[in-house]
């Protein structure tokens, strides 16, 4: 099968003048090489089609593939992850992962939590800050957790994200608003175990790959799965499969219900954290989960279950083709 790989490469954007921090969500050459290698190992032919602009040019020119393996993050706006899926749908091009609606919804963490909450699933109480004056209406009790509304890869999350009084909350919000130029999501801080749940498939066919616990080591930034801890996880973070039992089962059930409710497809990752009573809550979902071998959470989790990276990629391709009824 001929498969196009649509992506946003960090080095391309840095060459355009972006800083490494601004390009942090974009993929590395290792990610592209890993996906290409897996697809070729599975017997597929691949073609690189980088950036949404290039994908648009190719589609307008009439070029088509049996499948687009889409990992485009998009460049601008809170709906940026919806850009590549929308292009593919406009030109009736089959593609992997979520559709434009889910892509746009889930990048906005507050909108996502509203849907999850209305679906009867547990998620921490929250408040959105668009300007510092909004804090006058905040009634949530401390401690709280603050992060950008529409970022991934832990961007904007560090030790100052945990706030225990009004003064530190105002300082953190002021810094986040200035740096990221978007609203800030304030959540009830949950002190319990942090897990991420890997899922493959779509709809009723979706299944949990495993529940992975994120354990911060002694040298890590304390108390928070931060951008620094993610980027430098060797020696800072211990990833381990959660032991079988009631907690793991509850995490799996909550993650799978959230994944299906939000319309995620083919594969994704749901992040959870437990409260003081040990009950897991939905934090956020990544329907376009990172795919860097031996670095991104989903491939790490997949490997901990004894599966190969190629098996994960194969699951994604097969799920997309099944959704399409196998049509070319």
C-alpha atoms as a PDB file:
ATOM      1  CA  UNK A   1       0.000   0.000   0.000  1.00  0.00           C
ATOM      2  CA  UNK A   2       1.245   3.520  -0.806  1.00  0.00           C
ATOM      3  CA  UNK A   3       1.198   5.701   2.311  1.00  0.00           C
ATOM      4  CA  UNK A   4       2.026   9.403   2.607  1.00  0.00           C
ATOM      5  CA  UNK A   5       3.558  10.636   5.845  1.00  0.00           C
ATOM      6  CA  UNK A   6       2.274  14.109   6.722  1.00  0.00           C
ATOM      7  CA  UNK A   7       4.201  15.835   9.522  1.00  0.00           C
ATOM      8  CA  UNK A   8       5.637  19.000  11.054  1.00  0.00           C
ATOM      9  CA  UNK A   9       9.404  18.737  11.521  1.00  0.00           C
ATOM     10  CA  UNK A  10      11.119  20.783  14.246  1.00  0.00           C
ATOM     11  CA  UNK A  11      14.121  21.611  12.084  1.00  0.00           C
ATOM     12  CA  UNK A  12      11.884  22.999   9.308  1.00  0.00           C
ATOM     13  CA  UNK A  13      10.273  25.507  11.669  1.00  0.00           C
ATOM     14  CA  UNK A  14      13.529  26.440  13.395  1.00  0.00           C
ATOM     15  CA  UNK A  15      14.911  27.190   9.922  1.00  0.00           C
ATOM     16  CA  UNK A  16      11.949  29.554   9.480  1.00  0.00           C
ATOM     17  CA  UNK A  17      12.932  31.458  12.627  1.00  0.00           C
ATOM     18  CA  UNK A  18      11.007  29.627  15.350  1.00  0.00           C
ATOM     19  CA  UNK A  19      12.802  29.042  18.657  1.00  0.00           C
ATOM     20  CA  UNK A  20      13.369  25.450  19.874  1.00  0.00           C
ATOM     21  CA  UNK A  21      10.805  26.080  22.640  1.00  0.00           C
ATOM     22  CA  UNK A  22       8.197  27.290  20.127  1.00  0.00           C
ATOM     23  CA  UNK A  23       8.828  24.214  17.956  1.00  0.00           C
ATOM     24  CA  UNK A  24       8.804  21.768  20.873  1.00  0.00           C
ATOM     25  CA  UNK A  25       5.541  20.085  19.851  1.00  0.00           C
ATOM     26  CA  UNK A  26       6.804  19.294  16.361  1.00  0.00           C
ATOM     27  CA  UNK A  27       8.461  16.023  15.448  1.00  0.00           C
ATOM     28  CA  UNK A  28      12.096  15.062  15.100  1.00  0.00           C
ATOM     29  CA  UNK A  29      13.793  13.182  12.299  1.00  0.00           C
ATOM     30  CA  UNK A  30      13.832  10.154  14.631  1.00  0.00           C
ATOM     31  CA  UNK A  31      10.020  10.136  14.647  1.00  0.00           C
ATOM     32  CA  UNK A  32       9.766  10.189  10.865  1.00  0.00           C
ATOM     33  CA  UNK A  33      12.447   7.551  10.478  1.00  0.00           C
ATOM     34  CA  UNK A  34      10.717   5.332  13.031  1.00  0.00           C
ATOM     35  CA  UNK A  35       7.309   5.500  11.345  1.00  0.00           C
ATOM     36  CA  UNK A  36       8.784   5.102   7.863  1.00  0.00           C
ATOM     37  CA  UNK A  37      10.863   2.141   8.964  1.00  0.00           C
ATOM     38  CA  UNK A  38       7.864   0.449  10.562  1.00  0.00           C
ATOM     39  CA  UNK A  39       5.634   1.036   7.527  1.00  0.00           C
ATOM     40  CA  UNK A  40       8.265  -0.363   5.182  1.00  0.00           C
ATOM     41  CA  UNK A  41       8.827  -3.323   7.480  1.00  0.00           C
ATOM     42  CA  UNK A  42       5.096  -3.976   7.144  1.00  0.00           C
ATOM     43  CA  UNK A  43       5.418  -3.961   3.350  1.00  0.00           C
ATOM     44  CA  UNK A  44       4.128  -0.454   2.559  1.00  0.00           C
ATOM     45  CA  UNK A  45       5.680   2.162   0.271  1.00  0.00           C
ATOM     46  CA  UNK A  46       6.082   5.591   1.870  1.00  0.00           C
ATOM     47  CA  UNK A  47       6.339   9.178   0.694  1.00  0.00           C
ATOM     48  CA  UNK A  48       7.081  12.227   2.850  1.00  0.00           C
ATOM     49  CA  UNK A  49       4.663  15.153   2.555  1.00  0.00           C
ATOM     50  CA  UNK A  50       5.749  17.654   5.202  1.00  0.00           C
ATOM     51  CA  UNK A  51       3.630  20.496   6.613  1.00  0.00           C
ATOM     52  CA  UNK A  52      -0.031  21.240   5.898  1.00  0.00           C
ATOM     53  CA  UNK A  53       0.956  23.740   3.225  1.00  0.00           C
ATOM     54  CA  UNK A  54       2.744  21.027   1.259  1.00  0.00           C
ATOM     55  CA  UNK A  55      -0.117  18.577   1.811  1.00  0.00           C
ATOM     56  CA  UNK A  56      -2.562  21.179   0.451  1.00  0.00           C
ATOM     57  CA  UNK A  57      -0.429  21.760  -2.646  1.00  0.00           C
ATOM     58  CA  UNK A  58      -0.238  18.045  -3.385  1.00  0.00           C
ATOM     59  CA  UNK A  59      -3.958  17.458  -2.892  1.00  0.00           C
ATOM     60  CA  UNK A  60      -4.917  20.468  -5.044  1.00  0.00           C
ATOM     61  CA  UNK A  61      -2.607  19.139  -7.776  1.00  0.00           C
ATOM     62  CA  UNK A  62      -4.580  15.882  -7.761  1.00  0.00           C
ATOM     63  CA  UNK A  63      -2.115  13.640  -5.949  1.00  0.00           C
ATOM     64  CA  UNK A  64      -3.646  10.866  -3.832  1.00  0.00           C
ATOM     65  CA  UNK A  65      -2.455   7.965  -1.694  1.00  0.00           C
ATOM     66  CA  UNK A  66      -4.132   4.894  -0.307  1.00  0.00           C
ATOM     67  CA  UNK A  67      -3.596   6.402   3.137  1.00  0.00           C
ATOM     68  CA  UNK A  68      -2.124   9.509   4.755  1.00  0.00           C
ATOM     69  CA  UNK A  69      -0.388   8.694   8.025  1.00  0.00           C
ATOM     70  CA  UNK A  70      -1.002  12.064   9.633  1.00  0.00           C
ATOM     71  CA  UNK A  71       1.058  13.385  12.542  1.00  0.00           C
ATOM     72  CA  UNK A  72       0.748  17.100  11.631  1.00  0.00           C
ATOM     73  CA  UNK A  73       0.434  19.337  14.692  1.00  0.00           C
ATOM     74  CA  UNK A  74      -0.428  22.458  12.678  1.00  0.00           C
ATOM     75  CA  UNK A  75       1.246  25.810  13.169  1.00  0.00           C
ATOM     76  CA  UNK A  76      -1.267  28.342  14.502  1.00  0.00           C
ATOM     77  CA  UNK A  77      -4.385  28.620  16.630  1.00  0.00           C
ATOM     78  CA  UNK A  78      -6.267  26.423  19.058  1.00  0.00           C
ATOM     79  CA  UNK A  79      -7.714  24.385  16.141  1.00  0.00           C
ATOM     80  CA  UNK A  80      -4.324  23.796  14.517  1.00  0.00           C
ATOM     81  CA  UNK A  81      -4.405  20.001  14.862  1.00  0.00           C
ATOM     82  CA  UNK A  82      -7.605  19.983  12.798  1.00  0.00           C
ATOM     83  CA  UNK A  83      -5.951  21.535   9.740  1.00  0.00           C
ATOM     84  CA  UNK A  84      -4.506  18.378   8.149  1.00  0.00           C
ATOM     85  CA  UNK A  85      -7.613  16.230   8.815  1.00  0.00           C
ATOM     86  CA  UNK A  86      -9.831  18.956   7.346  1.00  0.00           C
ATOM     87  CA  UNK A  87      -7.685  19.101   4.202  1.00  0.00           C
ATOM     88  CA  UNK A  88      -7.887  15.345   3.802  1.00  0.00           C
ATOM     89  CA  UNK A  89     -11.659  15.351   4.213  1.00  0.00           C
ATOM     90  CA  UNK A  90     -12.054  18.227   1.740  1.00  0.00           C
ATOM     91  CA  UNK A  91     -10.322  16.121  -0.924  1.00  0.00           C
ATOM     92  CA  UNK A  92     -11.775  12.739   0.157  1.00  0.00           C
ATOM     93  CA  UNK A  93      -8.345  11.455   1.164  1.00  0.00           C
ATOM     94  CA  UNK A  94      -8.241   8.654   3.740  1.00  0.00           C
ATOM     95  CA  UNK A  95      -6.062   9.467   6.767  1.00  0.00           C
ATOM     96  CA  UNK A  96      -5.150   8.168  10.212  1.00  0.00           C
ATOM     97  CA  UNK A  97      -6.242   9.375  13.638  1.00  0.00           C
ATOM     98  CA  UNK A  98      -9.022  11.733  14.695  1.00  0.00           C
ATOM     99  CA  UNK A  99     -11.281  13.862  12.520  1.00  0.00           C
ATOM    100  CA  UNK A 100     -11.299  17.708  12.526  1.00  0.00           C
ATOM    101  CA  UNK A 101     -14.001  17.976  15.204  1.00  0.00           C
ATOM    102  CA  UNK A 102     -12.159  15.825  17.742  1.00  0.00           C
ATOM    103  CA  UNK A 103      -8.803  17.399  16.856  1.00  0.00           C
ATOM    104  CA  UNK A 104     -10.123  20.908  17.470  1.00  0.00           C
ATOM    105  CA  UNK A 105     -12.092  20.015  20.581  1.00  0.00           C
ATOM    106  CA  UNK A 106      -9.373  18.130  22.417  1.00  0.00           C
ATOM    107  CA  UNK A 107      -6.625  20.719  21.989  1.00  0.00           C
ATOM    108  CA  UNK A 108      -8.787  23.089  24.046  1.00  0.00           C
ATOM    109  CA  UNK A 109      -8.456  21.425  27.439  1.00  0.00           C
ATOM    110  CA  UNK A 110     -11.385  23.271  29.036  1.00  0.00           C
ATOM    111  CA  UNK A 111     -13.811  22.440  26.225  1.00  0.00           C
ATOM    112  CA  UNK A 112     -12.688  18.817  26.439  1.00  0.00           C
ATOM    113  CA  UNK A 113     -13.281  18.717  30.187  1.00  0.00           C
ATOM    114  CA  UNK A 114     -16.777  20.162  29.738  1.00  0.00           C
ATOM    115  CA  UNK A 115     -17.682  17.310  27.386  1.00  0.00           C
ATOM    116  CA  UNK A 116     -16.113  14.723  29.698  1.00  0.00           C
ATOM    117  CA  UNK A 117     -17.909  16.206  32.714  1.00  0.00           C
ATOM    118  CA  UNK A 118     -21.232  16.242  30.884  1.00  0.00           C
ATOM    119  CA  UNK A 119     -20.595  12.611  29.975  1.00  0.00           C
ATOM    120  CA  UNK A 120     -20.616  11.784  33.688  1.00  0.00           C
ATOM    121  CA  UNK A 121     -16.884  11.067  33.922  1.00  0.00           C
ATOM    122  CA  UNK A 122     -14.613  12.330  36.709  1.00  0.00           C
ATOM    123  CA  UNK A 123     -12.393  15.327  35.963  1.00  0.00           C
ATOM    124  CA  UNK A 124     -10.949  17.944  38.369  1.00  0.00           C
ATOM    125  CA  UNK A 125     -12.932  21.129  38.958  1.00  0.00           C
ATOM    126  CA  UNK A 126     -11.546  23.925  36.770  1.00  0.00           C
ATOM    127  CA  UNK A 127     -11.604  27.593  35.818  1.00  0.00           C
ATOM    128  CA  UNK A 128     -10.370  29.445  32.708  1.00  0.00           C
ATOM    129  CA  UNK A 129      -8.355  32.655  33.011  1.00  0.00           C
ATOM    130  CA  UNK A 130      -8.300  34.882  29.933  1.00  0.00           C
ATOM    131  CA  UNK A 131      -7.006  37.929  31.821  1.00  0.00           C
ATOM    132  CA  UNK A 132      -5.790  38.507  35.377  1.00  0.00           C
ATOM    133  CA  UNK A 133      -9.064  40.233  36.226  1.00  0.00           C
ATOM    134  CA  UNK A 134     -10.817  36.859  35.839  1.00  0.00           C
ATOM    135  CA  UNK A 135      -9.113  35.714  39.039  1.00  0.00           C
ATOM    136  CA  UNK A 136     -11.510  37.911  40.998  1.00  0.00           C
ATOM    137  CA  UNK A 137     -14.242  35.363  40.238  1.00  0.00           C
ATOM    138  CA  UNK A 138     -12.173  32.282  41.142  1.00  0.00           C
ATOM    139  CA  UNK A 139     -13.692  30.317  44.029  1.00  0.00           C
ATOM    140  CA  UNK A 140     -11.752  27.025  43.807  1.00  0.00           C
ATOM    141  CA  UNK A 141      -9.820  26.153  46.972  1.00  0.00           C
ATOM    142  CA  UNK A 142      -6.029  25.893  47.011  1.00  0.00           C
ATOM    143  CA  UNK A 143      -3.836  24.109  46.061  1.00  0.00           C
ATOM    144  CA  UNK A 144      -4.452  24.537  42.336  1.00  0.00           C
ATOM    145  CA  UNK A 145      -2.672  23.625  39.121  1.00  0.00           C
ATOM    146  CA  UNK A 146      -2.147  26.099  36.245  1.00  0.00           C
ATOM    147  CA  UNK A 147      -1.205  25.355  32.631  1.00  0.00           C
ATOM    148  CA  UNK A 148      -1.771  26.767  29.128  1.00  0.00           C
ATOM    149  CA  UNK A 149      -5.217  25.997  27.729  1.00  0.00           C
ATOM    150  CA  UNK A 150      -4.116  24.632  24.346  1.00  0.00           C
ATOM    151  CA  UNK A 151      -0.595  23.230  24.415  1.00  0.00           C
ATOM    152  CA  UNK A 152       0.951  19.776  24.443  1.00  0.00           C
ATOM    153  CA  UNK A 153       4.281  18.108  25.273  1.00  0.00           C
ATOM    154  CA  UNK A 154       4.167  19.629  28.758  1.00  0.00           C
ATOM    155  CA  UNK A 155       4.745  23.153  27.379  1.00  0.00           C
ATOM    156  CA  UNK A 156       4.161  25.756  30.066  1.00  0.00           C
ATOM    157  CA  UNK A 157       4.244  23.213  32.896  1.00  0.00           C
ATOM    158  CA  UNK A 158       6.959  23.444  35.564  1.00  0.00           C
ATOM    159  CA  UNK A 159       7.281  23.650  39.340  1.00  0.00           C
ATOM    160  CA  UNK A 160       5.411  26.971  39.394  1.00  0.00           C
ATOM    161  CA  UNK A 161       2.325  25.217  37.984  1.00  0.00           C
ATOM    162  CA  UNK A 162       1.376  24.026  41.472  1.00  0.00           C
ATOM    163  CA  UNK A 163       0.056  27.110  43.252  1.00  0.00           C
ATOM    164  CA  UNK A 164      -0.812  27.224  46.948  1.00  0.00           C
ATOM    165  CA  UNK A 165      -1.896  30.841  47.472  1.00  0.00           C
ATOM    166  CA  UNK A 166      -3.336  33.829  45.631  1.00  0.00           C
ATOM    167  CA  UNK A 167      -0.014  35.608  45.138  1.00  0.00           C
ATOM    168  CA  UNK A 168       1.703  32.626  43.470  1.00  0.00           C
ATOM    169  CA  UNK A 169      -1.401  32.002  41.341  1.00  0.00           C
ATOM    170  CA  UNK A 170      -1.324  35.577  40.029  1.00  0.00           C
ATOM    171  CA  UNK A 171       2.411  35.339  39.270  1.00  0.00           C
ATOM    172  CA  UNK A 172       2.026  32.053  37.415  1.00  0.00           C
ATOM    173  CA  UNK A 173      -0.992  33.204  35.409  1.00  0.00           C
ATOM    174  CA  UNK A 174       0.705  36.461  34.477  1.00  0.00           C
ATOM    175  CA  UNK A 175       3.770  34.598  33.201  1.00  0.00           C
ATOM    176  CA  UNK A 176       1.738  32.024  31.252  1.00  0.00           C
ATOM    177  CA  UNK A 177      -0.524  34.626  29.628  1.00  0.00           C
ATOM    178  CA  UNK A 178       2.495  36.641  28.506  1.00  0.00           C
ATOM    179  CA  UNK A 179       4.577  33.735  27.243  1.00  0.00           C
ATOM    180  CA  UNK A 180       1.974  31.555  25.559  1.00  0.00           C
ATOM    181  CA  UNK A 181      -0.537  34.230  24.468  1.00  0.00           C
ATOM    182  CA  UNK A 182      -3.555  32.081  25.282  1.00  0.00           C
ATOM    183  CA  UNK A 183      -5.866  31.492  28.261  1.00  0.00           C
ATOM    184  CA  UNK A 184      -4.732  29.575  31.321  1.00  0.00           C
ATOM    185  CA  UNK A 185      -6.526  26.508  32.646  1.00  0.00           C
ATOM    186  CA  UNK A 186      -6.751  26.383  36.445  1.00  0.00           C
ATOM    187  CA  UNK A 187      -7.600  22.998  37.960  1.00  0.00           C
ATOM    188  CA  UNK A 188      -8.092  21.525  41.391  1.00  0.00           C
ATOM    189  CA  UNK A 189      -4.705  19.973  42.224  1.00  0.00           C
ATOM    190  CA  UNK A 190      -4.822  16.192  42.601  1.00  0.00           C
ATOM    191  CA  UNK A 191      -2.061  14.760  44.820  1.00  0.00           C
ATOM    192  CA  UNK A 192      -2.333  11.109  43.806  1.00  0.00           C
ATOM    193  CA  UNK A 193      -0.733   8.744  41.289  1.00  0.00           C
ATOM    194  CA  UNK A 194      -0.328   9.878  37.677  1.00  0.00           C
ATOM    195  CA  UNK A 195      -1.021   7.444  34.849  1.00  0.00           C
ATOM    196  CA  UNK A 196      -1.377   7.499  31.101  1.00  0.00           C
ATOM    197  CA  UNK A 197      -3.461   4.940  29.245  1.00  0.00           C
ATOM    198  CA  UNK A 198      -2.646   3.820  25.703  1.00  0.00           C
ATOM    199  CA  UNK A 199      -5.539   2.886  23.438  1.00  0.00           C
ATOM    200  CA  UNK A 200      -5.728   1.552  19.871  1.00  0.00           C
ATOM    201  CA  UNK A 201      -8.710   1.131  17.571  1.00  0.00           C
ATOM    202  CA  UNK A 202     -11.901   3.079  16.979  1.00  0.00           C
ATOM    203  CA  UNK A 203     -15.379   3.049  18.486  1.00  0.00           C
ATOM    204  CA  UNK A 204     -16.455  -0.324  19.827  1.00  0.00           C
ATOM    205  CA  UNK A 205     -13.224  -1.832  18.476  1.00  0.00           C
ATOM    206  CA  UNK A 206     -11.081   0.441  20.668  1.00  0.00           C
ATOM    207  CA  UNK A 207      -9.098  -1.423  23.313  1.00  0.00           C
ATOM    208  CA  UNK A 208      -6.661  -0.532  26.072  1.00  0.00           C
ATOM    209  CA  UNK A 209      -3.026  -1.421  25.423  1.00  0.00           C
ATOM    210  CA  UNK A 210      -2.014  -0.806  29.012  1.00  0.00           C
ATOM    211  CA  UNK A 211      -1.983   1.556  31.971  1.00  0.00           C
ATOM    212  CA  UNK A 212       1.412   3.175  32.533  1.00  0.00           C
ATOM    213  CA  UNK A 213       2.325   4.939  35.751  1.00  0.00           C
ATOM    214  CA  UNK A 214       4.537   8.034  35.574  1.00  0.00           C
ATOM    215  CA  UNK A 215       6.867   8.022  38.576  1.00  0.00           C
ATOM    216  CA  UNK A 216       9.131  11.031  39.172  1.00  0.00           C
ATOM    217  CA  UNK A 217      12.618  10.163  40.414  1.00  0.00           C
ATOM    218  CA  UNK A 218      14.753  12.038  42.930  1.00  0.00           C
ATOM    219  CA  UNK A 219      16.419  14.388  40.426  1.00  0.00           C
ATOM    220  CA  UNK A 220      13.186  15.319  38.630  1.00  0.00           C
ATOM    221  CA  UNK A 221      11.336  18.613  39.034  1.00  0.00           C
ATOM    222  CA  UNK A 222       9.193  17.848  42.049  1.00  0.00           C
ATOM    223  CA  UNK A 223       5.511  17.016  41.970  1.00  0.00           C
ATOM    224  CA  UNK A 224       4.829  17.727  38.297  1.00  0.00           C
ATOM    225  CA  UNK A 225       5.229  15.868  34.993  1.00  0.00           C
ATOM    226  CA  UNK A 226       6.778  18.978  33.472  1.00  0.00           C
ATOM    227  CA  UNK A 227       8.209  19.875  30.079  1.00  0.00           C
ATOM    228  CA  UNK A 228      11.700  19.491  31.548  1.00  0.00           C
ATOM    229  CA  UNK A 229      10.937  16.062  32.981  1.00  0.00           C
ATOM    230  CA  UNK A 230       9.399  14.876  29.698  1.00  0.00           C
ATOM    231  CA  UNK A 231      12.260  16.161  27.552  1.00  0.00           C
ATOM    232  CA  UNK A 232      14.958  14.664  29.779  1.00  0.00           C
ATOM    233  CA  UNK A 233      13.146  11.629  31.116  1.00  0.00           C
ATOM    234  CA  UNK A 234      16.169   9.317  31.345  1.00  0.00           C
ATOM    235  CA  UNK A 235      17.152   9.508  35.009  1.00  0.00           C
ATOM    236  CA  UNK A 236      14.191  11.745  35.876  1.00  0.00           C
ATOM    237  CA  UNK A 237      11.124   9.608  35.179  1.00  0.00           C
ATOM    238  CA  UNK A 238      10.411   5.926  35.671  1.00  0.00           C
ATOM    239  CA  UNK A 239       7.716   4.583  33.367  1.00  0.00           C
ATOM    240  CA  UNK A 240       6.166   1.355  34.623  1.00  0.00           C
ATOM    241  CA  UNK A 241       3.011  -0.608  33.930  1.00  0.00           C
ATOM    242  CA  UNK A 242       0.520  -0.220  36.755  1.00  0.00           C
ATOM    243  CA  UNK A 243       0.008  -3.420  38.692  1.00  0.00           C
ATOM    244  CA  UNK A 244      -3.113  -5.388  37.806  1.00  0.00           C
ATOM    245  CA  UNK A 245      -5.936  -4.665  40.200  1.00  0.00           C
ATOM    246  CA  UNK A 246      -8.809  -2.341  41.010  1.00  0.00           C
ATOM    247  CA  UNK A 247      -6.862   0.904  40.441  1.00  0.00           C
ATOM    248  CA  UNK A 248      -5.529  -0.191  37.048  1.00  0.00           C
ATOM    249  CA  UNK A 249      -8.967  -1.449  35.998  1.00  0.00           C
ATOM    250  CA  UNK A 250     -10.579   1.844  37.018  1.00  0.00           C
ATOM    251  CA  UNK A 251      -7.977   3.818  35.048  1.00  0.00           C
ATOM    252  CA  UNK A 252      -8.528   1.663  31.966  1.00  0.00           C
ATOM    253  CA  UNK A 253     -12.311   2.001  32.141  1.00  0.00           C
ATOM    254  CA  UNK A 254     -12.223   5.789  32.595  1.00  0.00           C
ATOM    255  CA  UNK A 255      -9.708   6.258  29.783  1.00  0.00           C
ATOM    256  CA  UNK A 256     -11.595   4.054  27.338  1.00  0.00           C
ATOM    257  CA  UNK A 257     -14.910   5.765  28.110  1.00  0.00           C
ATOM    258  CA  UNK A 258     -13.278   9.180  27.584  1.00  0.00           C
ATOM    259  CA  UNK A 259     -11.607   8.090  24.339  1.00  0.00           C
ATOM    260  CA  UNK A 260     -14.888   6.845  22.894  1.00  0.00           C
ATOM    261  CA  UNK A 261     -16.925   9.795  24.165  1.00  0.00           C
ATOM    262  CA  UNK A 262     -14.555  12.286  22.493  1.00  0.00           C
ATOM    263  CA  UNK A 263     -14.510  10.431  19.170  1.00  0.00           C
ATOM    264  CA  UNK A 264     -10.835   9.461  19.139  1.00  0.00           C
ATOM    265  CA  UNK A 265      -9.782   6.994  16.445  1.00  0.00           C
ATOM    266  CA  UNK A 266      -7.024   4.510  15.547  1.00  0.00           C
ATOM    267  CA  UNK A 267      -4.799   5.243  18.586  1.00  0.00           C
ATOM    268  CA  UNK A 268      -4.346   7.777  21.354  1.00  0.00           C
ATOM    269  CA  UNK A 269      -3.431   8.380  24.957  1.00  0.00           C
ATOM    270  CA  UNK A 270      -5.491   9.499  27.950  1.00  0.00           C
ATOM    271  CA  UNK A 271      -3.776  11.154  30.941  1.00  0.00           C
ATOM    272  CA  UNK A 272      -5.209  10.596  34.419  1.00  0.00           C
ATOM    273  CA  UNK A 273      -4.354  11.558  37.994  1.00  0.00           C
ATOM    274  CA  UNK A 274      -5.759  10.282  41.261  1.00  0.00           C
ATOM    275  CA  UNK A 275      -7.246  12.357  44.046  1.00  0.00           C
ATOM    276  CA  UNK A 276      -6.458  12.015  47.757  1.00  0.00           C
ATOM    277  CA  UNK A 277      -8.849   9.047  47.965  1.00  0.00           C
ATOM    278  CA  UNK A 278      -7.019   7.237  45.144  1.00  0.00           C
ATOM    279  CA  UNK A 279      -9.759   7.721  42.533  1.00  0.00           C
ATOM    280  CA  UNK A 280      -8.492   8.468  39.002  1.00  0.00           C
ATOM    281  CA  UNK A 281      -9.697  11.597  37.214  1.00  0.00           C
ATOM    282  CA  UNK A 282      -9.486  12.568  33.545  1.00  0.00           C
ATOM    283  CA  UNK A 283      -6.856  15.275  32.893  1.00  0.00           C
ATOM    284  CA  UNK A 284      -6.578  15.384  29.110  1.00  0.00           C
ATOM    285  CA  UNK A 285      -6.506  13.251  25.989  1.00  0.00           C
ATOM    286  CA  UNK A 286      -3.998  13.193  23.149  1.00  0.00           C
ATOM    287  CA  UNK A 287      -5.762  11.883  20.024  1.00  0.00           C
ATOM    288  CA  UNK A 288      -2.589  12.625  18.026  1.00  0.00           C
ATOM    289  CA  UNK A 289      -0.168  11.022  20.451  1.00  0.00           C
ATOM    290  CA  UNK A 290       3.572  11.376  20.004  1.00  0.00           C
ATOM    291  CA  UNK A 291       5.118   8.542  18.001  1.00  0.00           C
ATOM    292  CA  UNK A 292       8.861   8.918  18.644  1.00  0.00           C
ATOM    293  CA  UNK A 293      10.267   5.455  19.414  1.00  0.00           C
ATOM    294  CA  UNK A 294      11.706   5.137  22.935  1.00  0.00           C
ATOM    295  CA  UNK A 295      10.728   8.722  23.804  1.00  0.00           C
ATOM    296  CA  UNK A 296       6.991   9.325  23.401  1.00  0.00           C
ATOM    297  CA  UNK A 297       4.675   7.964  26.073  1.00  0.00           C
ATOM    298  CA  UNK A 298       2.539   5.806  23.763  1.00  0.00           C
ATOM    299  CA  UNK A 299       5.466   3.914  22.161  1.00  0.00           C
ATOM    300  CA  UNK A 300       7.097   3.524  25.598  1.00  0.00           C
ATOM    301  CA  UNK A 301       3.875   2.065  27.012  1.00  0.00           C
ATOM    302  CA  UNK A 302       3.474  -0.156  23.961  1.00  0.00           C
ATOM    303  CA  UNK A 303       7.004  -1.496  24.451  1.00  0.00           C
ATOM    304  CA  UNK A 304       6.421  -2.202  28.144  1.00  0.00           C
ATOM    305  CA  UNK A 305       3.625  -4.577  27.143  1.00  0.00           C
ATOM    306  CA  UNK A 306       6.103  -6.597  25.054  1.00  0.00           C
ATOM    307  CA  UNK A 307       4.913  -5.366  21.681  1.00  0.00           C
ATOM    308  CA  UNK A 308       7.107  -4.000  18.903  1.00  0.00           C
ATOM    309  CA  UNK A 309       6.871  -0.473  17.511  1.00  0.00           C
ATOM    310  CA  UNK A 310       5.874  -1.964  14.143  1.00  0.00           C
ATOM    311  CA  UNK A 311       2.897  -3.670  15.798  1.00  0.00           C
ATOM    312  CA  UNK A 312       1.681  -0.313  17.086  1.00  0.00           C
ATOM    313  CA  UNK A 313       1.994   1.278  13.641  1.00  0.00           C
ATOM    314  CA  UNK A 314       0.250  -1.731  12.076  1.00  0.00           C
ATOM    315  CA  UNK A 315      -2.665  -1.385  14.514  1.00  0.00           C
ATOM    316  CA  UNK A 316      -3.073   2.260  13.503  1.00  0.00           C
ATOM    317  CA  UNK A 317      -3.028   1.510   9.769  1.00  0.00           C
ATOM    318  CA  UNK A 318      -5.437  -1.409  10.094  1.00  0.00           C
ATOM    319  CA  UNK A 319      -7.847   0.638  12.198  1.00  0.00           C
ATOM    320  CA  UNK A 320      -7.904   3.442   9.609  1.00  0.00           C
ATOM    321  CA  UNK A 321      -8.463   1.005   6.761  1.00  0.00           C
ATOM    322  CA  UNK A 322     -11.244  -0.777   8.659  1.00  0.00           C
ATOM    323  CA  UNK A 323     -13.013   2.551   9.236  1.00  0.00           C
ATOM    324  CA  UNK A 324     -12.909   3.123   5.487  1.00  0.00           C
ATOM    325  CA  UNK A 325     -14.189  -0.341   4.702  1.00  0.00           C
ATOM    326  CA  UNK A 326     -10.896  -1.107   2.973  1.00  0.00           C
ATOM    327  CA  UNK A 327     -11.671   1.294   0.112  1.00  0.00           C
ATOM    328  CA  UNK A 328      -8.696   2.706  -1.866  1.00  0.00           C
END
